[in-house]
Amino acid sequence: MAIQSKPASAGKLILLIVVAAVVWGLDAWKKSHPASGPAPRMTPRQTPEKPKPAHAPSIPKSPETAGGYEVYQNCRLDTERNNDGDSFAIKLPDGQTEIFRLYFVDTPESEFKEYRDGRSNHERIDQQAGYFGITPEKSVEIGKKAKNFVVERLTSRPFTLYTAWDSPYDDERYHAFIEFPTNGGARSLDELLVEQGLCRIYTKGADTPDGTPMNRRKDQLRAIERQARDRRVGAWGLR
């Protein structure tokens, strides 16, 4: 019996050696390959919300709206401010004054200016003059006429203002449509300026309060501009 037990004991010894080698090898591998920790949690990509026009903080929200615009009726021009042909101070029904700029149109500068930092508006005047094909001096004269035209219209009677309170330069000047009554019915100020040859179609446009898409409205203004050019009114008559 003793002779038969030797091979069995040797086999067990070999098996123990193999198991020990495997355990040692596995332990050595784990030490040389440390765990990298849990994978970072993936969060779904979030699409940023489109910025919403900020309502002027101190202005009571108008209860009347049209085409996404707040409607303020019985507005008046604040004549004590420095107004020009496309940007002016408007006194709202509650008596508060805000600065508004017209959509679509840019009236020429009404004077040559040089600023303290060395800049000037001369390059802008040159661009405006080039639009009409006239000299810078004549362009400034048209700017003065545009200013007088607007002041006369906006001081003759109250008018209606449409705004979404979007500030193009984030400087508390807001885009707006201005509409006032005429003998032929309500007219928008931007359209009248184009009709009189007192502005260029140049600045930011938008869908109108009555729902006309921006591009269609721009086409309408272009058609009015062609008629003004053919009639040689305003700047078109100085070429």
Protein backbone atom coordinates (compact mmCIF):
# COMPACT_ATOMS: atom_id res chain seq x y z
CA MET A 1 0.00 0.00 0.00
CA ALA A 2 2.86 2.39 0.77
CA ILE A 3 4.30 1.83 -2.67
CA GLN A 4 0.98 2.76 -4.36
CA SER A 5 0.50 6.02 -2.35
CA LYS A 6 3.69 7.68 -3.62
CA PRO A 7 2.39 8.44 -7.13
CA ALA A 8 -0.85 9.88 -5.68
CA SER A 9 1.06 12.14 -3.28
CA ALA A 10 3.32 13.34 -6.08
CA GLY A 11 0.29 14.18 -8.23
CA LYS A 12 -1.28 16.23 -5.48
CA LEU A 13 1.98 18.10 -4.99
CA ILE A 14 2.20 18.94 -8.67
CA LEU A 15 -1.44 20.14 -8.69
CA LEU A 16 -0.78 22.41 -5.70
CA ILE A 17 2.26 23.85 -7.42
CA VAL A 18 0.25 24.58 -10.60
CA VAL A 19 -2.58 26.24 -8.63
CA ALA A 20 -0.09 28.35 -6.69
CA ALA A 21 1.59 29.44 -9.91
CA VAL A 22 -1.74 30.45 -11.44
CA VAL A 23 -2.73 32.42 -8.34
CA TRP A 24 0.65 34.15 -8.21
CA GLY A 25 0.50 34.97 -11.91
CA LEU A 26 -3.01 36.41 -11.63
CA ASP A 27 -2.00 38.53 -8.66
CA ALA A 28 1.05 39.84 -10.51
CA TRP A 29 -1.08 40.73 -13.57
CA LYS A 30 -3.57 42.67 -11.44
CA LYS A 31 -0.74 44.66 -9.85
CA SER A 32 0.67 45.56 -13.28
CA HIS A 33 -2.77 46.52 -14.66
CA PRO A 34 -4.43 48.73 -12.04
CA ALA A 35 -8.14 49.38 -12.45
CA SER A 36 -8.87 52.75 -14.11
CA GLY A 37 -11.99 53.39 -12.07
CA PRO A 38 -15.57 53.65 -13.26
CA ALA A 39 -16.17 55.12 -16.69
CA PRO A 40 -17.27 58.76 -16.59
CA ARG A 41 -20.99 59.22 -16.70
CA MET A 42 -22.20 60.44 -20.05
CA THR A 43 -24.75 63.19 -19.93
CA PRO A 44 -27.00 63.90 -22.89
CA ARG A 45 -26.00 66.89 -24.97
CA GLN A 46 -28.16 69.87 -24.19
CA THR A 47 -29.15 72.30 -26.91
CA PRO A 48 -28.89 75.87 -25.64
CA GLU A 49 -32.12 77.80 -25.65
CA LYS A 50 -32.40 80.64 -28.09
CA PRO A 51 -32.06 83.96 -26.29
CA LYS A 52 -35.36 85.65 -25.77
CA PRO A 53 -35.66 89.42 -26.17
CA ALA A 54 -35.53 90.94 -22.73
CA HIS A 55 -38.49 93.11 -21.87
CA ALA A 56 -37.41 96.57 -20.84
CA PRO A 57 -37.33 96.07 -17.06
CA SER A 58 -39.07 99.28 -16.06
CA ILE A 59 -41.74 99.31 -18.77
CA PRO A 60 -45.17 97.84 -17.99
CA LYS A 61 -45.84 95.02 -20.44
CA SER A 62 -48.46 96.04 -22.99
CA PRO A 63 -51.64 93.97 -22.79
CA GLU A 64 -52.05 94.33 -26.56
CA THR A 65 -49.95 92.29 -28.98
CA ALA A 66 -49.79 91.78 -32.75
CA GLY A 67 -47.59 89.33 -34.65
CA GLY A 68 -45.34 88.76 -31.65
CA TYR A 69 -44.91 92.47 -30.91
CA GLU A 70 -46.15 94.49 -27.97
CA VAL A 71 -48.35 97.33 -29.15
CA TYR A 72 -48.21 100.81 -27.61
CA GLN A 73 -50.76 103.29 -28.85
CA ASN A 74 -50.85 107.07 -28.42
CA CYS A 75 -47.07 107.41 -28.36
CA ARG A 76 -45.34 110.74 -28.91
CA LEU A 77 -41.90 111.93 -29.97
CA ASP A 78 -39.74 113.32 -27.18
CA THR A 79 -38.54 116.49 -28.89
CA GLU A 80 -36.12 117.33 -26.10
CA ARG A 81 -33.85 114.46 -27.11
CA ASN A 82 -31.39 114.28 -30.02
CA ASN A 83 -33.43 112.47 -32.67
CA ASP A 84 -32.56 111.63 -36.27
CA GLY A 85 -34.31 110.04 -39.22
CA ASP A 86 -34.29 106.42 -38.09
CA SER A 87 -33.54 106.50 -34.36
CA PHE A 88 -35.47 108.58 -31.86
CA ALA A 89 -36.74 108.96 -28.32
CA ILE A 90 -40.36 107.91 -27.95
CA LYS A 91 -42.57 108.81 -25.03
CA LEU A 92 -44.76 105.80 -24.24
CA PRO A 93 -48.34 106.06 -22.91
CA ASP A 94 -47.15 105.81 -19.29
CA GLY A 95 -44.91 108.85 -19.82
CA GLN A 96 -41.61 106.97 -19.84
CA THR A 97 -39.18 107.58 -22.71
CA GLU A 98 -37.19 104.90 -24.54
CA ILE A 99 -34.96 104.97 -27.62
CA PHE A 100 -36.16 103.06 -30.68
CA ARG A 101 -34.69 102.32 -34.09
CA LEU A 102 -36.62 101.47 -37.24
CA TYR A 103 -36.39 98.08 -38.91
CA PHE A 104 -35.17 97.85 -42.53
CA VAL A 105 -34.05 101.45 -43.13
CA ASP A 106 -31.03 103.65 -42.55
CA THR A 107 -31.25 107.41 -43.09
CA PRO A 108 -28.04 109.30 -43.88
CA GLU A 109 -26.07 111.03 -41.15
CA SER A 110 -27.23 114.63 -40.74
CA GLU A 111 -23.79 116.08 -39.98
CA PHE A 112 -20.09 115.29 -40.16
CA LYS A 113 -18.79 114.27 -36.75
CA GLU A 114 -15.39 113.66 -35.20
CA TYR A 115 -15.17 111.97 -31.81
CA ARG A 116 -12.74 112.34 -28.92
CA ASP A 117 -11.15 108.94 -29.53
CA GLY A 118 -10.11 110.00 -33.03
CA ARG A 119 -12.89 108.20 -34.87
CA SER A 120 -15.42 109.90 -37.12
CA ASN A 121 -18.58 109.10 -39.05
CA HIS A 122 -17.03 110.08 -42.38
CA GLU A 123 -16.64 106.52 -43.64
CA ARG A 124 -20.28 105.80 -42.88
CA ILE A 125 -21.31 108.95 -44.72
CA ASP A 126 -19.25 107.85 -47.73
CA GLN A 127 -21.06 104.48 -47.73
CA GLN A 128 -24.45 106.14 -47.53
CA ALA A 129 -23.57 108.55 -50.32
CA GLY A 130 -22.37 105.65 -52.48
CA TYR A 131 -25.72 103.91 -52.11
CA PHE A 132 -27.46 106.84 -53.82
CA GLY A 133 -24.59 107.78 -56.14
CA ILE A 134 -24.25 111.28 -54.67
CA THR A 135 -21.53 113.24 -52.87
CA PRO A 136 -21.04 112.97 -49.10
CA GLU A 137 -22.13 116.59 -48.73
CA LYS A 138 -25.41 115.91 -50.53
CA SER A 139 -25.90 112.78 -48.45
CA VAL A 140 -25.67 114.86 -45.26
CA GLU A 141 -28.29 117.23 -46.68
CA ILE A 142 -30.60 114.26 -47.24
CA GLY A 143 -29.94 113.21 -43.65
CA LYS A 144 -31.16 116.60 -42.46
CA LYS A 145 -34.27 116.35 -44.63
CA ALA A 146 -35.00 112.87 -43.30
CA LYS A 147 -34.69 114.11 -39.73
CA ASN A 148 -37.05 117.03 -40.38
CA PHE A 149 -39.50 114.75 -42.19
CA VAL A 150 -39.66 112.36 -39.24
CA VAL A 151 -39.95 115.08 -36.60
CA GLU A 152 -42.77 116.73 -38.52
CA ARG A 153 -44.70 113.47 -38.90
CA LEU A 154 -44.21 112.24 -35.36
CA THR A 155 -45.11 115.53 -33.68
CA SER A 156 -48.27 116.14 -35.70
CA ARG A 157 -50.34 113.49 -33.88
CA PRO A 158 -49.99 110.42 -31.63
CA PHE A 159 -48.83 107.20 -33.29
CA THR A 160 -48.62 103.45 -32.64
CA LEU A 161 -45.39 101.61 -31.85
CA TYR A 162 -44.73 97.87 -32.23
CA THR A 163 -41.71 96.37 -30.48
CA ALA A 164 -40.35 93.01 -29.30
CA TRP A 165 -37.78 94.83 -27.13
CA ASP A 166 -34.82 93.42 -29.06
CA SER A 167 -31.75 95.58 -28.63
CA PRO A 168 -29.38 95.14 -31.62
CA TYR A 169 -26.33 96.47 -29.77
CA ASP A 170 -27.44 95.61 -26.23
CA ASP A 171 -27.44 99.31 -25.41
CA GLU A 172 -31.07 99.97 -24.46
CA ARG A 173 -32.00 101.01 -27.98
CA TYR A 174 -34.76 98.81 -29.30
CA HIS A 175 -36.04 97.94 -32.77
CA ALA A 176 -39.58 98.96 -33.61
CA PHE A 177 -42.17 99.52 -36.30
CA ILE A 178 -43.94 102.87 -36.13
CA GLU A 179 -47.34 103.38 -37.69
CA PHE A 180 -49.42 106.53 -37.79
CA PRO A 181 -52.65 107.64 -39.44
CA THR A 182 -52.66 109.50 -42.75
CA ASN A 183 -55.43 110.63 -45.06
CA GLY A 184 -55.04 107.36 -46.96
CA GLY A 185 -55.06 105.18 -43.86
CA ALA A 186 -52.36 103.95 -41.49
CA ARG A 187 -48.80 103.98 -42.90
CA SER A 188 -45.51 102.70 -41.53
CA LEU A 189 -42.69 105.20 -41.13
CA ASP A 190 -40.06 103.00 -42.78
CA GLU A 191 -42.21 102.77 -45.91
CA LEU A 192 -42.72 106.54 -46.08
CA LEU A 193 -38.99 107.20 -45.79
CA VAL A 194 -38.31 104.83 -48.69
CA GLU A 195 -41.12 106.42 -50.71
CA GLN A 196 -39.59 109.88 -50.23
CA GLY A 197 -36.07 108.77 -51.18
CA LEU A 198 -34.76 109.66 -47.73
CA CYS A 199 -33.17 106.35 -46.68
CA ARG A 200 -31.46 103.23 -47.88
CA ILE A 201 -32.80 99.71 -47.29
CA TYR A 202 -29.94 98.41 -45.26
CA THR A 203 -30.44 97.48 -41.60
CA LYS A 204 -32.04 94.53 -39.81
CA GLY A 205 -35.47 93.46 -41.02
CA ALA A 206 -38.19 91.39 -39.39
CA ASP A 207 -41.62 89.93 -40.00
CA THR A 208 -44.15 92.73 -39.73
CA PRO A 209 -46.90 93.00 -37.11
CA ASP A 210 -49.53 92.05 -39.70
CA GLY A 211 -47.69 88.78 -40.39
CA THR A 212 -45.89 89.69 -43.63
CA PRO A 213 -42.64 87.65 -43.79
CA MET A 214 -39.42 89.64 -43.63
CA ASN A 215 -38.23 88.78 -47.16
CA ARG A 216 -41.58 89.64 -48.70
CA ARG A 217 -41.63 92.94 -46.85
CA LYS A 218 -38.14 93.73 -48.09
CA ASP A 219 -39.29 93.01 -51.66
CA GLN A 220 -42.18 95.41 -51.16
CA LEU A 221 -39.82 98.13 -49.97
CA ARG A 222 -37.52 97.49 -52.94
CA ALA A 223 -40.46 98.01 -55.29
CA ILE A 224 -41.31 101.30 -53.56
CA GLU A 225 -37.66 102.32 -53.80
CA ARG A 226 -37.61 101.69 -57.56
CA GLN A 227 -40.62 103.95 -57.96
CA ALA A 228 -38.91 106.66 -55.91
CA ARG A 229 -35.79 106.35 -58.06
CA ASP A 230 -37.85 106.60 -61.25
CA ARG A 231 -39.60 109.69 -59.91
CA ARG A 232 -36.24 111.11 -58.84
CA VAL A 233 -37.41 112.10 -55.38
CA GLY A 234 -35.20 112.77 -52.38
CA ALA A 235 -31.64 111.55 -52.80
CA TRP A 236 -32.47 109.99 -56.16
CA GLY A 237 -33.03 113.45 -57.61
CA LEU A 238 -29.52 114.60 -56.70
CA ARG A 239 -27.60 112.15 -58.87
